[in-house]
């Protein structure tokens, strides 16, 4: 499975909706407390839900 993009809204410090396009390699760059780790957390949670659903 390959994810080409996803959207995040109202998750921890991410209030406004953000659409994130993914390619083969991605780098998250930004100031401290801008939500980089939260983007990775929400992606991890979603992937866990997909894995649980497939079982």
N, C-alpha and C. Protein backbone atom coordinates (compact mmCIF):
# COMPACT_ATOMS: atom_id res chain seq x y z
N UNK A 1 0.84 -1.17 0.00
CA UNK A 1 0.00 0.00 0.00
C UNK A 1 0.89 1.24 0.00
N UNK A 2 0.48 2.22 -0.77
CA UNK A 2 1.21 3.48 -0.82
C UNK A 2 0.24 4.63 -0.56
N UNK A 3 0.59 5.50 0.36
CA UNK A 3 -0.22 6.66 0.66
C UNK A 3 0.35 7.84 -0.11
N UNK A 4 -0.49 8.50 -0.91
CA UNK A 4 0.00 9.62 -1.71
C UNK A 4 -0.24 10.97 -1.02
N UNK A 5 -1.26 11.05 -0.15
CA UNK A 5 -1.52 12.28 0.60
C UNK A 5 -2.47 11.97 1.76
N UNK A 6 -2.49 12.87 2.73
CA UNK A 6 -3.46 12.77 3.81
C UNK A 6 -3.70 14.15 4.38
N UNK A 7 -4.81 14.30 5.09
CA UNK A 7 -5.18 15.58 5.69
C UNK A 7 -5.28 15.43 7.20
N UNK A 8 -4.93 16.49 7.91
CA UNK A 8 -4.99 16.51 9.36
C UNK A 8 -5.72 17.78 9.79
N UNK A 9 -6.66 17.63 10.74
CA UNK A 9 -7.37 18.79 11.28
C UNK A 9 -7.77 18.47 12.72
N UNK A 10 -7.59 19.43 13.60
CA UNK A 10 -7.98 19.30 15.01
C UNK A 10 -7.31 18.11 15.70
N UNK A 11 -6.04 17.96 15.54
CA UNK A 11 -5.28 16.94 16.24
C UNK A 11 -4.13 17.62 16.96
N UNK A 12 -4.18 17.59 18.29
CA UNK A 12 -3.18 18.20 19.16
C UNK A 12 -2.95 19.66 18.77
N UNK A 13 -1.78 20.03 18.31
CA UNK A 13 -1.50 21.44 17.99
C UNK A 13 -1.92 21.82 16.58
N UNK A 14 -2.40 20.88 15.79
CA UNK A 14 -2.81 21.16 14.41
C UNK A 14 -4.30 21.52 14.43
N UNK A 15 -4.61 22.79 14.29
CA UNK A 15 -5.99 23.26 14.36
C UNK A 15 -6.59 23.39 12.97
N UNK A 16 -5.87 24.05 12.09
CA UNK A 16 -6.35 24.23 10.72
C UNK A 16 -6.04 22.98 9.90
N UNK A 17 -6.89 22.73 8.91
CA UNK A 17 -6.68 21.55 8.07
C UNK A 17 -5.42 21.74 7.22
N UNK A 18 -4.63 20.69 7.19
CA UNK A 18 -3.41 20.70 6.36
C UNK A 18 -3.41 19.44 5.51
N UNK A 19 -3.29 19.63 4.22
CA UNK A 19 -3.16 18.49 3.32
C UNK A 19 -1.68 18.29 3.06
N UNK A 20 -1.23 17.07 3.25
CA UNK A 20 0.18 16.76 3.10
C UNK A 20 0.34 15.77 1.96
N UNK A 21 1.04 16.18 0.91
CA UNK A 21 1.32 15.30 -0.22
C UNK A 21 2.59 14.53 0.06
N UNK A 22 2.57 13.25 -0.20
CA UNK A 22 3.73 12.40 0.06
C UNK A 22 4.33 11.91 -1.25
N UNK A 23 5.63 11.79 -1.24
CA UNK A 23 6.36 11.22 -2.37
C UNK A 23 7.22 10.09 -1.85
N UNK A 24 8.19 9.64 -2.61
CA UNK A 24 9.05 8.54 -2.16
C UNK A 24 9.85 8.93 -0.92
N UNK A 25 10.30 10.16 -0.85
CA UNK A 25 11.06 10.65 0.30
C UNK A 25 10.46 11.99 0.73
N UNK A 26 10.36 12.19 2.04
CA UNK A 26 9.81 13.43 2.57
C UNK A 26 10.65 13.90 3.75
N UNK A 27 10.73 15.21 3.90
CA UNK A 27 11.46 15.82 5.01
C UNK A 27 10.53 16.85 5.64
N UNK A 28 10.40 16.79 6.96
CA UNK A 28 9.61 17.78 7.69
C UNK A 28 10.57 18.81 8.29
N UNK A 29 10.40 20.05 7.89
CA UNK A 29 11.27 21.12 8.36
C UNK A 29 10.40 22.23 8.93
N UNK A 30 10.79 22.76 10.08
CA UNK A 30 10.04 23.87 10.66
C UNK A 30 10.59 24.24 12.02
N UNK A 31 10.07 25.31 12.56
CA UNK A 31 10.48 25.78 13.88
C UNK A 31 9.98 24.81 14.95
N UNK A 32 10.48 24.99 16.16
CA UNK A 32 10.01 24.21 17.29
C UNK A 32 8.52 24.48 17.54
N UNK A 33 7.82 23.46 17.98
CA UNK A 33 6.39 23.56 18.33
C UNK A 33 5.50 23.97 17.16
N UNK A 34 5.84 23.54 15.96
CA UNK A 34 5.02 23.84 14.78
C UNK A 34 4.15 22.65 14.37
N UNK A 35 4.37 21.47 14.98
CA UNK A 35 3.51 20.33 14.69
C UNK A 35 4.15 19.21 13.89
N UNK A 36 5.45 19.24 13.71
CA UNK A 36 6.12 18.18 12.92
C UNK A 36 5.93 16.81 13.56
N UNK A 37 6.13 16.71 14.85
CA UNK A 37 5.96 15.43 15.55
C UNK A 37 4.50 15.00 15.55
N UNK A 38 3.60 15.94 15.63
CA UNK A 38 2.18 15.60 15.61
C UNK A 38 1.75 15.04 14.27
N UNK A 39 2.34 15.51 13.19
CA UNK A 39 2.05 14.95 11.87
C UNK A 39 2.49 13.48 11.83
N UNK A 40 3.66 13.19 12.38
CA UNK A 40 4.13 11.81 12.41
C UNK A 40 3.27 10.95 13.32
N UNK A 41 2.82 11.51 14.45
CA UNK A 41 1.95 10.77 15.37
C UNK A 41 0.62 10.41 14.72
N UNK A 42 -0.01 11.38 14.07
CA UNK A 42 -1.31 11.11 13.46
C UNK A 42 -1.17 10.10 12.32
N UNK A 43 -0.10 10.15 11.58
CA UNK A 43 0.12 9.18 10.52
C UNK A 43 0.31 7.79 11.11
N UNK A 44 1.03 7.69 12.21
CA UNK A 44 1.23 6.41 12.88
C UNK A 44 -0.09 5.85 13.42
N UNK A 45 -0.91 6.70 14.02
CA UNK A 45 -2.21 6.26 14.53
C UNK A 45 -3.09 5.75 13.39
N UNK A 46 -3.12 6.47 12.29
CA UNK A 46 -3.93 6.06 11.14
C UNK A 46 -3.45 4.73 10.56
N UNK A 47 -2.15 4.57 10.45
CA UNK A 47 -1.62 3.31 9.92
C UNK A 47 -1.95 2.14 10.85
N UNK A 48 -1.93 2.37 12.16
CA UNK A 48 -2.31 1.33 13.12
C UNK A 48 -3.77 0.94 12.95
N UNK A 49 -4.64 1.93 12.74
CA UNK A 49 -6.05 1.65 12.54
C UNK A 49 -6.27 0.84 11.26
N UNK A 50 -5.54 1.18 10.22
CA UNK A 50 -5.67 0.44 8.96
C UNK A 50 -5.21 -1.00 9.15
N UNK A 51 -4.10 -1.20 9.85
CA UNK A 51 -3.61 -2.56 10.12
C UNK A 51 -4.62 -3.35 10.93
N UNK A 52 -5.21 -2.72 11.96
CA UNK A 52 -6.21 -3.41 12.79
C UNK A 52 -7.45 -3.77 11.95
N UNK A 53 -7.85 -2.90 11.06
CA UNK A 53 -9.02 -3.13 10.23
C UNK A 53 -8.79 -4.31 9.27
N UNK A 54 -7.58 -4.43 8.75
CA UNK A 54 -7.28 -5.52 7.81
C UNK A 54 -7.32 -6.88 8.50
N UNK A 55 -7.00 -6.91 9.79
CA UNK A 55 -7.03 -8.18 10.53
C UNK A 55 -8.46 -8.58 10.75
